[in-house]
Amino acid sequence: MSPAIFSIVHIDGLISNSTLKPSRILIIMSKRNYSYMTDNSKENVTTDNKLHGLYNQGSTCYLNSVLQVFFMTKDFREAVESQNQVNEHQNQVNEQTTLDLQLKYLFNNLKEGRAHTKEITSKLGIQKVDLYMQRDAAEYFEKILGMVSLDVSKIFQGQLRHTVTCSEFNHINNNEEGPFWTLPLSMGNDNYYTVMDGFHNFFKTSTVSGDNQMYCDQCEKKTDAEFACELVQPPEILTLLLKRFEFDYYSMSYVKIESWVDVPHKLQTKYCTYELYAVVDHVGSLRGGHYTATIKSYEDHNWYR
């Protein structure tokens, strides 16, 4: 499995724990202890490399950034490239219903030089008239994962369990499990925000009471209740989405949260340690801006943007 590591780019070009202030961040991490993990002292950010870029069809930086992450994720790329090993009938089905063949074609072209994404945008239903419309990278990250074969996308998928418990007699009124591609982390209005705190707050138990009490079927009345969320199946690659926009009821519009964000190199969970290997961030506002990706190569261990 390929490791995921997220990083911060300093002015001097080094990767280390630090802060950044883009307007939207998609942080992609993977389980530790894989072969291409190296000493952080050898990590550098560079743009002079054997890797290649993607042509921008207008305002498709949101899509290009996500596609570069997928291309630089070893297991994802290998799974896409291995899709020709299924039988002929399955190939015909995949060609009609999935992005596998378009991604395989794109990845092969990216190995040789700068590549076009016209086949991808066409398969995603992005019309020519929409090519200059700014869209959300996180939305298309999940859309692509939903349009590839399960063997390709499985490394990004985890499982969450949501439970609702009656506070009076500990009756469990709801116990549901479901898959996820990304964990959306809420941000407050403080000047400083840490991803570590955001991750742990996501799994904190919350309580409802008073007018917000929940009906307990076993108690046959409304009671205080506890809501809990548990990571029951950690994904090989963990993707965190920082929600940088919130609705302001004073102006009746969405506003950007201007907090500085502290992004760690490693994230310790109950099950494993994750390390950062990619960040997709957006600088700008709701009206426009630009997406970029900073990614660590599993081949030479350098960081590229």
C-alpha atoms as a PDB file:
ATOM      1  CA  MET A   1       0.000   0.000   0.000  1.00  0.00           C
ATOM      2  CA  SER A   2       1.164   3.506  -0.663  1.00  0.00           C
ATOM      3  CA  PRO A   3       1.598   5.843   2.292  1.00  0.00           C
ATOM      4  CA  ALA A   4      -0.149   9.150   2.553  1.00  0.00           C
ATOM      5  CA  ILE A   5       1.486  12.157   4.045  1.00  0.00           C
ATOM      6  CA  PHE A   6       0.393  15.743   4.178  1.00  0.00           C
ATOM      7  CA  SER A   7       2.788  18.624   4.190  1.00  0.00           C
ATOM      8  CA  ILE A   8       3.250  22.352   4.382  1.00  0.00           C
ATOM      9  CA  VAL A   9       5.411  24.248   1.918  1.00  0.00           C
ATOM     10  CA  HIS A  10       7.596  26.933   3.449  1.00  0.00           C
ATOM     11  CA  ILE A  11       9.031  29.832   1.491  1.00  0.00           C
ATOM     12  CA  ASP A  12      12.414  28.112   1.614  1.00  0.00           C
ATOM     13  CA  GLY A  13      10.895  25.051  -0.056  1.00  0.00           C
ATOM     14  CA  LEU A  14      11.099  22.626   2.851  1.00  0.00           C
ATOM     15  CA  ILE A  15       8.345  20.373   4.160  1.00  0.00           C
ATOM     16  CA  SER A  16       7.635  20.439   7.891  1.00  0.00           C
ATOM     17  CA  ASN A  17       4.876  20.870  10.428  1.00  0.00           C
ATOM     18  CA  SER A  18       3.610  24.389   9.957  1.00  0.00           C
ATOM     19  CA  THR A  19       0.616  26.517   9.076  1.00  0.00           C
ATOM     20  CA  LEU A  20      -1.071  27.655   5.913  1.00  0.00           C
ATOM     21  CA  LYS A  21      -3.935  29.920   5.005  1.00  0.00           C
ATOM     22  CA  PRO A  22      -5.609  28.809   1.780  1.00  0.00           C
ATOM     23  CA  SER A  23      -9.356  29.128   1.559  1.00  0.00           C
ATOM     24  CA  ARG A  24     -10.122  25.412   1.209  1.00  0.00           C
ATOM     25  CA  ILE A  25      -8.027  22.356   2.029  1.00  0.00           C
ATOM     26  CA  LEU A  26      -8.307  18.684   1.073  1.00  0.00           C
ATOM     27  CA  ILE A  27      -5.776  16.693   3.104  1.00  0.00           C
ATOM     28  CA  ILE A  28      -4.899  13.182   1.950  1.00  0.00           C
ATOM     29  CA  MET A  29      -3.042  10.767   4.233  1.00  0.00           C
ATOM     30  CA  SER A  30      -2.288   7.070   4.231  1.00  0.00           C
ATOM     31  CA  LYS A  31      -1.373   4.380   6.697  1.00  0.00           C
ATOM     32  CA  ARG A  32       2.208   4.372   7.808  1.00  0.00           C
ATOM     33  CA  ASN A  33       5.005   1.751   7.456  1.00  0.00           C
ATOM     34  CA  TYR A  34       5.067   1.362   3.692  1.00  0.00           C
ATOM     35  CA  SER A  35       8.195   1.005   1.615  1.00  0.00           C
ATOM     36  CA  TYR A  36       8.555   4.500   0.220  1.00  0.00           C
ATOM     37  CA  MET A  37       8.530   6.316   3.567  1.00  0.00           C
ATOM     38  CA  THR A  38      11.857   8.033   4.099  1.00  0.00           C
ATOM     39  CA  ASP A  39      13.608  10.399   6.440  1.00  0.00           C
ATOM     40  CA  ASN A  40      11.930  13.826   6.418  1.00  0.00           C
ATOM     41  CA  SER A  41      15.339  15.467   6.042  1.00  0.00           C
ATOM     42  CA  LYS A  42      15.440  14.176   2.455  1.00  0.00           C
ATOM     43  CA  GLU A  43      12.128  15.719   1.489  1.00  0.00           C
ATOM     44  CA  ASN A  44      12.214  18.712  -0.837  1.00  0.00           C
ATOM     45  CA  VAL A  45       9.634  20.532  -2.877  1.00  0.00           C
ATOM     46  CA  THR A  46      10.456  20.894  -6.545  1.00  0.00           C
ATOM     47  CA  THR A  47       8.885  21.713  -9.872  1.00  0.00           C
ATOM     48  CA  ASP A  48      11.852  20.508 -11.955  1.00  0.00           C
ATOM     49  CA  ASN A  49      11.044  16.846 -12.518  1.00  0.00           C
ATOM     50  CA  LYS A  50      10.260  14.008 -14.879  1.00  0.00           C
ATOM     51  CA  LEU A  51       6.588  14.309 -14.039  1.00  0.00           C
ATOM     52  CA  HIS A  52       4.159  16.209 -16.234  1.00  0.00           C
ATOM     53  CA  GLY A  53       1.204  18.508 -15.915  1.00  0.00           C
ATOM     54  CA  LEU A  54      -2.362  18.577 -17.209  1.00  0.00           C
ATOM     55  CA  TYR A  55      -3.762  21.100 -19.660  1.00  0.00           C
ATOM     56  CA  ASN A  56      -6.292  23.484 -18.139  1.00  0.00           C
ATOM     57  CA  GLN A  57      -9.437  23.488 -20.267  1.00  0.00           C
ATOM     58  CA  GLY A  58     -10.604  26.772 -18.760  1.00  0.00           C
ATOM     59  CA  SER A  59     -11.105  26.731 -15.003  1.00  0.00           C
ATOM     60  CA  THR A  60     -10.525  23.010 -14.463  1.00  0.00           C
ATOM     61  CA  CYS A  61      -7.759  23.399 -11.874  1.00  0.00           C
ATOM     62  CA  TYR A  62     -10.126  21.759  -9.356  1.00  0.00           C
ATOM     63  CA  LEU A  63     -10.184  18.607 -11.491  1.00  0.00           C
ATOM     64  CA  ASN A  64      -6.504  18.651 -12.488  1.00  0.00           C
ATOM     65  CA  SER A  65      -5.400  18.847  -8.847  1.00  0.00           C
ATOM     66  CA  VAL A  66      -7.489  15.821  -7.894  1.00  0.00           C
ATOM     67  CA  LEU A  67      -6.366  13.818 -10.946  1.00  0.00           C
ATOM     68  CA  GLN A  68      -2.716  14.456 -10.081  1.00  0.00           C
ATOM     69  CA  VAL A  69      -3.337  13.092  -6.574  1.00  0.00           C
ATOM     70  CA  PHE A  70      -4.870   9.938  -8.011  1.00  0.00           C
ATOM     71  CA  PHE A  71      -2.003   9.555 -10.482  1.00  0.00           C
ATOM     72  CA  MET A  72       0.584   9.932  -7.702  1.00  0.00           C
ATOM     73  CA  THR A  73      -1.181   7.405  -5.439  1.00  0.00           C
ATOM     74  CA  LYS A  74       0.663   4.169  -6.177  1.00  0.00           C
ATOM     75  CA  ASP A  75      -2.026   1.604  -5.395  1.00  0.00           C
ATOM     76  CA  PHE A  76      -4.745   3.599  -7.125  1.00  0.00           C
ATOM     77  CA  ARG A  77      -2.670   3.976 -10.284  1.00  0.00           C
ATOM     78  CA  GLU A  78      -1.713   0.293 -10.299  1.00  0.00           C
ATOM     79  CA  ALA A  79      -5.355  -0.731  -9.797  1.00  0.00           C
ATOM     80  CA  VAL A  80      -6.416   1.443 -12.746  1.00  0.00           C
ATOM     81  CA  GLU A  81      -3.637   0.024 -14.939  1.00  0.00           C
ATOM     82  CA  SER A  82      -4.567  -3.567 -14.047  1.00  0.00           C
ATOM     83  CA  GLN A  83      -8.175  -3.263 -15.223  1.00  0.00           C
ATOM     84  CA  ASN A  84      -7.330  -4.925 -18.559  1.00  0.00           C
ATOM     85  CA  GLN A  85      -6.866  -8.205 -16.687  1.00  0.00           C
ATOM     86  CA  VAL A  86     -10.632  -8.746 -16.304  1.00  0.00           C
ATOM     87  CA  ASN A  87     -12.622 -10.671 -18.894  1.00  0.00           C
ATOM     88  CA  GLU A  88     -13.846  -9.178 -22.164  1.00  0.00           C
ATOM     89  CA  HIS A  89     -17.467  -8.874 -21.028  1.00  0.00           C
ATOM     90  CA  GLN A  90     -16.428  -7.062 -17.852  1.00  0.00           C
ATOM     91  CA  ASN A  91     -14.253  -4.722 -19.921  1.00  0.00           C
ATOM     92  CA  GLN A  92     -17.279  -3.794 -22.022  1.00  0.00           C
ATOM     93  CA  VAL A  93     -19.329  -3.130 -18.872  1.00  0.00           C
ATOM     94  CA  ASN A  94     -16.561  -1.012 -17.347  1.00  0.00           C
ATOM     95  CA  GLU A  95     -16.187   1.021 -20.526  1.00  0.00           C
ATOM     96  CA  GLN A  96     -19.846   1.975 -20.373  1.00  0.00           C
ATOM     97  CA  THR A  97     -20.265   2.604 -16.642  1.00  0.00           C
ATOM     98  CA  THR A  98     -16.911   3.524 -15.089  1.00  0.00           C
ATOM     99  CA  LEU A  99     -14.021   5.939 -15.495  1.00  0.00           C
ATOM    100  CA  ASP A 100     -11.440   3.142 -15.459  1.00  0.00           C
ATOM    101  CA  LEU A 101     -10.517   3.233 -19.142  1.00  0.00           C
ATOM    102  CA  GLN A 102     -10.413   7.038 -19.311  1.00  0.00           C
ATOM    103  CA  LEU A 103      -8.154   7.170 -16.261  1.00  0.00           C
ATOM    104  CA  LYS A 104      -5.915   4.443 -17.649  1.00  0.00           C
ATOM    105  CA  TYR A 105      -5.550   6.375 -20.906  1.00  0.00           C
ATOM    106  CA  LEU A 106      -4.814   9.586 -18.999  1.00  0.00           C
ATOM    107  CA  PHE A 107      -2.234   7.954 -16.714  1.00  0.00           C
ATOM    108  CA  ASN A 108      -0.417   6.407 -19.685  1.00  0.00           C
ATOM    109  CA  ASN A 109      -0.254   9.820 -21.357  1.00  0.00           C
ATOM    110  CA  LEU A 110       0.950  11.516 -18.162  1.00  0.00           C
ATOM    111  CA  LYS A 111       3.941   9.184 -18.055  1.00  0.00           C
ATOM    112  CA  GLU A 112       5.045  10.520 -21.445  1.00  0.00           C
ATOM    113  CA  GLY A 113       4.224  14.218 -21.254  1.00  0.00           C
ATOM    114  CA  ARG A 114       1.602  16.852 -20.548  1.00  0.00           C
ATOM    115  CA  ALA A 115      -1.854  15.388 -20.993  1.00  0.00           C
ATOM    116  CA  HIS A 116      -5.390  16.506 -21.908  1.00  0.00           C
ATOM    117  CA  THR A 117      -8.420  15.704 -19.755  1.00  0.00           C
ATOM    118  CA  LYS A 118     -11.155  15.980 -22.392  1.00  0.00           C
ATOM    119  CA  GLU A 119     -12.152  12.317 -22.081  1.00  0.00           C
ATOM    120  CA  ILE A 120     -12.420  12.690 -18.302  1.00  0.00           C
ATOM    121  CA  THR A 121     -14.540  15.851 -18.383  1.00  0.00           C
ATOM    122  CA  SER A 122     -16.803  14.283 -21.002  1.00  0.00           C
ATOM    123  CA  LYS A 123     -17.333  11.149 -18.891  1.00  0.00           C
ATOM    124  CA  LEU A 124     -17.996  13.306 -15.809  1.00  0.00           C
ATOM    125  CA  GLY A 125     -20.671  15.197 -17.708  1.00  0.00           C
ATOM    126  CA  ILE A 126     -18.849  18.549 -17.672  1.00  0.00           C
ATOM    127  CA  GLN A 127     -20.096  20.416 -20.741  1.00  0.00           C
ATOM    128  CA  LYS A 128     -17.963  22.856 -22.757  1.00  0.00           C
ATOM    129  CA  VAL A 129     -20.101  25.745 -21.562  1.00  0.00           C
ATOM    130  CA  ASP A 130     -19.195  24.822 -17.946  1.00  0.00           C
ATOM    131  CA  LEU A 131     -15.413  24.596 -18.408  1.00  0.00           C
ATOM    132  CA  TYR A 132     -14.905  28.147 -17.134  1.00  0.00           C
ATOM    133  CA  MET A 133     -17.058  27.601 -14.056  1.00  0.00           C
ATOM    134  CA  GLN A 134     -15.160  27.182 -10.770  1.00  0.00           C
ATOM    135  CA  ARG A 135     -16.165  23.947  -9.038  1.00  0.00           C
ATOM    136  CA  ASP A 136     -15.310  22.133  -5.811  1.00  0.00           C
ATOM    137  CA  ALA A 137     -12.325  19.758  -5.878  1.00  0.00           C
ATOM    138  CA  ALA A 138     -13.699  17.710  -2.968  1.00  0.00           C
ATOM    139  CA  GLU A 139     -16.956  17.149  -4.860  1.00  0.00           C
ATOM    140  CA  TYR A 140     -15.104  15.767  -7.875  1.00  0.00           C
ATOM    141  CA  PHE A 141     -12.732  13.771  -5.717  1.00  0.00           C
ATOM    142  CA  GLU A 142     -15.737  11.844  -4.399  1.00  0.00           C
ATOM    143  CA  LYS A 143     -17.471  11.785  -7.779  1.00  0.00           C
ATOM    144  CA  ILE A 144     -14.476  10.103  -9.426  1.00  0.00           C
ATOM    145  CA  LEU A 145     -14.197   7.545  -6.630  1.00  0.00           C
ATOM    146  CA  GLY A 146     -17.881   6.758  -7.128  1.00  0.00           C
ATOM    147  CA  MET A 147     -17.372   6.217 -10.863  1.00  0.00           C
ATOM    148  CA  VAL A 148     -14.418   3.798 -10.807  1.00  0.00           C
ATOM    149  CA  SER A 149     -14.469   0.060 -10.116  1.00  0.00           C
ATOM    150  CA  LEU A 150     -14.617  -1.026  -6.469  1.00  0.00           C
ATOM    151  CA  ASP A 151     -11.182  -2.640  -6.802  1.00  0.00           C
ATOM    152  CA  VAL A 152      -9.800   0.771  -7.753  1.00  0.00           C
ATOM    153  CA  SER A 153     -11.534   2.922  -5.128  1.00  0.00           C
ATOM    154  CA  LYS A 154     -11.415   0.598  -2.105  1.00  0.00           C
ATOM    155  CA  ILE A 155      -8.191   2.009  -0.653  1.00  0.00           C
ATOM    156  CA  PHE A 156      -9.928   5.364  -0.079  1.00  0.00           C
ATOM    157  CA  GLN A 157     -13.039   3.928   1.595  1.00  0.00           C
ATOM    158  CA  GLY A 158     -13.554   3.625   5.343  1.00  0.00           C
ATOM    159  CA  GLN A 159     -16.507   2.751   7.541  1.00  0.00           C
ATOM    160  CA  LEU A 160     -18.191   4.852  10.250  1.00  0.00           C
ATOM    161  CA  ARG A 161     -20.664   3.784  12.930  1.00  0.00           C
ATOM    162  CA  HIS A 162     -23.227   6.311  14.192  1.00  0.00           C
ATOM    163  CA  THR A 163     -25.113   5.580  17.411  1.00  0.00           C
ATOM    164  CA  VAL A 164     -27.833   7.423  19.319  1.00  0.00           C
ATOM    165  CA  THR A 165     -28.140   6.403  22.966  1.00  0.00           C
ATOM    166  CA  CYS A 166     -30.829   7.317  25.476  1.00  0.00           C
ATOM    167  CA  SER A 167     -29.104   9.088  28.378  1.00  0.00           C
ATOM    168  CA  GLU A 168     -31.685   7.901  30.914  1.00  0.00           C
ATOM    169  CA  PHE A 169     -31.328   4.113  30.580  1.00  0.00           C
ATOM    170  CA  ASN A 170     -28.610   3.793  27.900  1.00  0.00           C
ATOM    171  CA  HIS A 171     -31.033   2.397  25.349  1.00  0.00           C
ATOM    172  CA  ILE A 172     -29.501   2.350  21.874  1.00  0.00           C
ATOM    173  CA  ASN A 173     -32.109   3.831  19.539  1.00  0.00           C
ATOM    174  CA  ASN A 174     -29.989   3.967  16.426  1.00  0.00           C
ATOM    175  CA  ASN A 175     -26.885   2.035  15.400  1.00  0.00           C
ATOM    176  CA  GLU A 176     -25.956   2.481  11.756  1.00  0.00           C
ATOM    177  CA  GLU A 177     -22.784   1.851   9.806  1.00  0.00           C
ATOM    178  CA  GLY A 178     -21.923   3.395   6.478  1.00  0.00           C
ATOM    179  CA  PRO A 179     -18.995   3.999   4.123  1.00  0.00           C
ATOM    180  CA  PHE A 180     -17.199   7.308   3.595  1.00  0.00           C
ATOM    181  CA  TRP A 181     -14.622   8.798   1.223  1.00  0.00           C
ATOM    182  CA  THR A 182     -13.806  11.961   3.180  1.00  0.00           C
ATOM    183  CA  LEU A 183     -14.199  13.169   6.759  1.00  0.00           C
ATOM    184  CA  PRO A 184     -15.535  16.765   6.793  1.00  0.00           C
ATOM    185  CA  LEU A 185     -13.919  18.676   9.655  1.00  0.00           C
ATOM    186  CA  SER A 186     -15.713  21.774  10.924  1.00  0.00           C
ATOM    187  CA  MET A 187     -13.719  24.879  11.749  1.00  0.00           C
ATOM    188  CA  GLY A 188     -14.509  27.537  14.323  1.00  0.00           C
ATOM    189  CA  ASN A 189     -13.946  31.264  14.049  1.00  0.00           C
ATOM    190  CA  ASP A 190     -10.724  31.314  16.066  1.00  0.00           C
ATOM    191  CA  ASN A 191      -7.593  32.697  14.458  1.00  0.00           C
ATOM    192  CA  TYR A 192      -5.834  29.346  14.782  1.00  0.00           C
ATOM    193  CA  TYR A 193      -7.042  25.836  13.945  1.00  0.00           C
ATOM    194  CA  THR A 194      -5.294  22.487  14.219  1.00  0.00           C
ATOM    195  CA  VAL A 195      -6.153  19.495  12.066  1.00  0.00           C
ATOM    196  CA  MET A 196      -5.337  17.219  14.992  1.00  0.00           C
ATOM    197  CA  ASP A 197      -8.000  18.879  17.168  1.00  0.00           C
ATOM    198  CA  GLY A 198     -10.478  18.913  14.296  1.00  0.00           C
ATOM    199  CA  PHE A 199     -10.042  15.188  13.729  1.00  0.00           C
ATOM    200  CA  HIS A 200     -10.545  14.298  17.396  1.00  0.00           C
ATOM    201  CA  ASN A 201     -13.514  16.692  17.721  1.00  0.00           C
ATOM    202  CA  PHE A 202     -15.201  14.893  14.826  1.00  0.00           C
ATOM    203  CA  PHE A 203     -15.455  11.776  17.001  1.00  0.00           C
ATOM    204  CA  LYS A 204     -16.443  13.512  20.242  1.00  0.00           C
ATOM    205  CA  THR A 205     -19.758  12.477  21.787  1.00  0.00           C
ATOM    206  CA  SER A 206     -22.429  15.196  21.742  1.00  0.00           C
ATOM    207  CA  THR A 207     -25.583  15.512  23.848  1.00  0.00           C
ATOM    208  CA  VAL A 208     -29.048  16.868  23.062  1.00  0.00           C
ATOM    209  CA  SER A 209     -31.475  17.968  25.776  1.00  0.00           C
ATOM    210  CA  GLY A 210     -34.367  20.296  26.491  1.00  0.00           C
ATOM    211  CA  ASP A 211     -36.348  21.166  23.363  1.00  0.00           C
ATOM    212  CA  ASN A 212     -33.979  18.996  21.311  1.00  0.00           C
ATOM    213  CA  GLN A 213     -34.650  15.753  23.192  1.00  0.00           C
ATOM    214  CA  MET A 214     -35.003  12.580  21.112  1.00  0.00           C
ATOM    215  CA  TYR A 215     -37.857  10.099  21.356  1.00  0.00           C
ATOM    216  CA  CYS A 216     -36.752   6.787  22.902  1.00  0.00           C
ATOM    217  CA  ASP A 217     -38.801   3.824  21.655  1.00  0.00           C
ATOM    218  CA  GLN A 218     -38.028   1.746  24.741  1.00  0.00           C
ATOM    219  CA  CYS A 219     -38.714   4.522  27.247  1.00  0.00           C
ATOM    220  CA  GLU A 220     -41.726   5.597  25.153  1.00  0.00           C
ATOM    221  CA  LYS A 221     -40.972   9.249  25.773  1.00  0.00           C
ATOM    222  CA  LYS A 222     -38.528  11.993  24.871  1.00  0.00           C
ATOM    223  CA  THR A 223     -35.194  11.864  26.710  1.00  0.00           C
ATOM    224  CA  ASP A 224     -31.769  13.410  26.599  1.00  0.00           C
ATOM    225  CA  ALA A 225     -29.595  11.531  24.119  1.00  0.00           C
ATOM    226  CA  GLU A 226     -25.954  11.076  23.200  1.00  0.00           C
ATOM    227  CA  PHE A 227     -24.727  11.029  19.604  1.00  0.00           C
ATOM    228  CA  ALA A 228     -21.508   9.146  18.938  1.00  0.00           C
ATOM    229  CA  CYS A 229     -19.467   8.478  15.812  1.00  0.00           C
ATOM    230  CA  GLU A 230     -16.809   5.747  15.637  1.00  0.00           C
ATOM    231  CA  LEU A 231     -14.275   4.833  12.997  1.00  0.00           C
ATOM    232  CA  VAL A 232     -14.839   1.083  12.729  1.00  0.00           C
ATOM    233  CA  GLN A 233     -12.882   0.457   9.536  1.00  0.00           C
ATOM    234  CA  PRO A 234     -10.025   2.871   8.869  1.00  0.00           C
ATOM    235  CA  PRO A 235      -9.268   3.388   5.179  1.00  0.00           C
ATOM    236  CA  GLU A 236      -5.831   2.707   3.767  1.00  0.00           C
ATOM    237  CA  ILE A 237      -5.835   6.327   2.628  1.00  0.00           C
ATOM    238  CA  LEU A 238      -7.596   8.860   4.839  1.00  0.00           C
ATOM    239  CA  THR A 239      -8.929  12.065   3.274  1.00  0.00           C
ATOM    240  CA  LEU A 240      -9.846  15.036   5.456  1.00  0.00           C
ATOM    241  CA  LEU A 241     -11.907  17.952   4.162  1.00  0.00           C
ATOM    242  CA  LEU A 242     -11.598  21.230   6.042  1.00  0.00           C
ATOM    243  CA  LYS A 243     -14.893  23.107   5.807  1.00  0.00           C
ATOM    244  CA  ARG A 244     -13.662  26.665   5.392  1.00  0.00           C
ATOM    245  CA  PHE A 245     -17.020  28.237   4.561  1.00  0.00           C
ATOM    246  CA  GLU A 246     -20.010  28.802   6.822  1.00  0.00           C
ATOM    247  CA  PHE A 247     -23.368  30.513   6.480  1.00  0.00           C
ATOM    248  CA  ASP A 248     -23.535  33.962   8.060  1.00  0.00           C
ATOM    249  CA  TYR A 249     -27.105  34.754   9.103  1.00  0.00           C
ATOM    250  CA  TYR A 250     -26.278  38.456   9.484  1.00  0.00           C
ATOM    251  CA  SER A 251     -25.338  38.874   5.823  1.00  0.00           C
ATOM    252  CA  MET A 252     -27.432  35.852   4.714  1.00  0.00           C
ATOM    253  CA  SER A 253     -24.532  34.535   2.675  1.00  0.00           C
ATOM    254  CA  TYR A 254     -21.612  32.139   2.934  1.00  0.00           C
ATOM    255  CA  VAL A 255     -18.383  33.597   4.279  1.00  0.00           C
ATOM    256  CA  LYS A 256     -14.846  32.294   4.384  1.00  0.00           C
ATOM    257  CA  ILE A 257     -13.239  31.326   7.700  1.00  0.00           C
ATOM    258  CA  GLU A 258      -9.870  33.072   7.794  1.00  0.00           C
ATOM    259  CA  SER A 259      -8.181  30.925  10.458  1.00  0.00           C
ATOM    260  CA  TRP A 260      -4.598  29.787  10.131  1.00  0.00           C
ATOM    261  CA  VAL A 261      -4.431  25.997   9.911  1.00  0.00           C
ATOM    262  CA  ASP A 262      -1.839  23.799  11.614  1.00  0.00           C
ATOM    263  CA  VAL A 263      -1.258  20.633   9.566  1.00  0.00           C
ATOM    264  CA  PRO A 264       0.805  17.859  11.214  1.00  0.00           C
ATOM    265  CA  HIS A 265       3.042  15.405   9.419  1.00  0.00           C
ATOM    266  CA  LYS A 266       1.548  12.463  11.300  1.00  0.00           C
ATOM    267  CA  LEU A 267      -1.905  11.713  12.650  1.00  0.00           C
ATOM    268  CA  GLN A 268      -2.273   9.071  15.344  1.00  0.00           C
ATOM    269  CA  THR A 269      -5.612   7.265  15.489  1.00  0.00           C
ATOM    270  CA  LYS A 270      -6.909   4.421  17.648  1.00  0.00           C
ATOM    271  CA  TYR A 271      -6.028   1.911  14.936  1.00  0.00           C
ATOM    272  CA  CYS A 272      -2.951   3.227  13.165  1.00  0.00           C
ATOM    273  CA  THR A 273      -0.721   6.170  12.346  1.00  0.00           C
ATOM    274  CA  TYR A 274      -1.314   8.122   9.151  1.00  0.00           C
ATOM    275  CA  GLU A 275       1.264  10.242   7.374  1.00  0.00           C
ATOM    276  CA  LEU A 276       0.603  13.005   4.906  1.00  0.00           C
ATOM    277  CA  TYR A 277       1.374  12.654   1.207  1.00  0.00           C
ATOM    278  CA  ALA A 278      -0.867  15.183  -0.529  1.00  0.00           C
ATOM    279  CA  VAL A 279      -2.674  18.472  -0.008  1.00  0.00           C
ATOM    280  CA  VAL A 280      -5.156  20.012  -2.423  1.00  0.00           C
ATOM    281  CA  ASP A 281      -5.844  23.628  -1.490  1.00  0.00           C
ATOM    282  CA  HIS A 282      -7.779  26.530  -2.936  1.00  0.00           C
ATOM    283  CA  VAL A 283      -6.668  30.136  -2.620  1.00  0.00           C
ATOM    284  CA  GLY A 284      -9.368  32.705  -3.211  1.00  0.00           C
ATOM    285  CA  SER A 285     -13.009  33.218  -2.331  1.00  0.00           C
ATOM    286  CA  LEU A 286     -16.412  31.760  -3.139  1.00  0.00           C
ATOM    287  CA  ARG A 287     -16.442  33.802  -6.339  1.00  0.00           C
ATOM    288  CA  GLY A 288     -13.177  32.417  -7.690  1.00  0.00           C
ATOM    289  CA  GLY A 289      -9.588  31.431  -7.071  1.00  0.00           C
ATOM    290  CA  HIS A 290      -7.161  28.677  -7.949  1.00  0.00           C
ATOM    291  CA  TYR A 291      -6.610  25.069  -6.843  1.00  0.00           C
ATOM    292  CA  THR A 292      -3.143  23.551  -6.505  1.00  0.00           C
ATOM    293  CA  ALA A 293      -1.855  20.183  -5.313  1.00  0.00           C
ATOM    294  CA  THR A 294       1.339  19.428  -3.403  1.00  0.00           C
ATOM    295  CA  ILE A 295       2.149  15.715  -3.507  1.00  0.00           C
ATOM    296  CA  LYS A 296       4.949  13.405  -2.395  1.00  0.00           C
ATOM    297  CA  SER A 297       6.244  11.014  -5.057  1.00  0.00           C
ATOM    298  CA  TYR A 298       6.499   7.360  -4.044  1.00  0.00           C
ATOM    299  CA  GLU A 299       9.266   6.924  -6.623  1.00  0.00           C
ATOM    300  CA  ASP A 300      11.864   9.538  -5.613  1.00  0.00           C
ATOM    301  CA  HIS A 301      10.371  10.747  -2.272  1.00  0.00           C
ATOM    302  CA  ASN A 302      10.380  14.396  -3.389  1.00  0.00           C
ATOM    303  CA  TRP A 303       7.406  16.700  -3.055  1.00  0.00           C
ATOM    304  CA  TYR A 304       5.942  18.178  -6.239  1.00  0.00           C
ATOM    305  CA  ARG A 305       3.410  20.910  -6.938  1.00  0.00           C
END
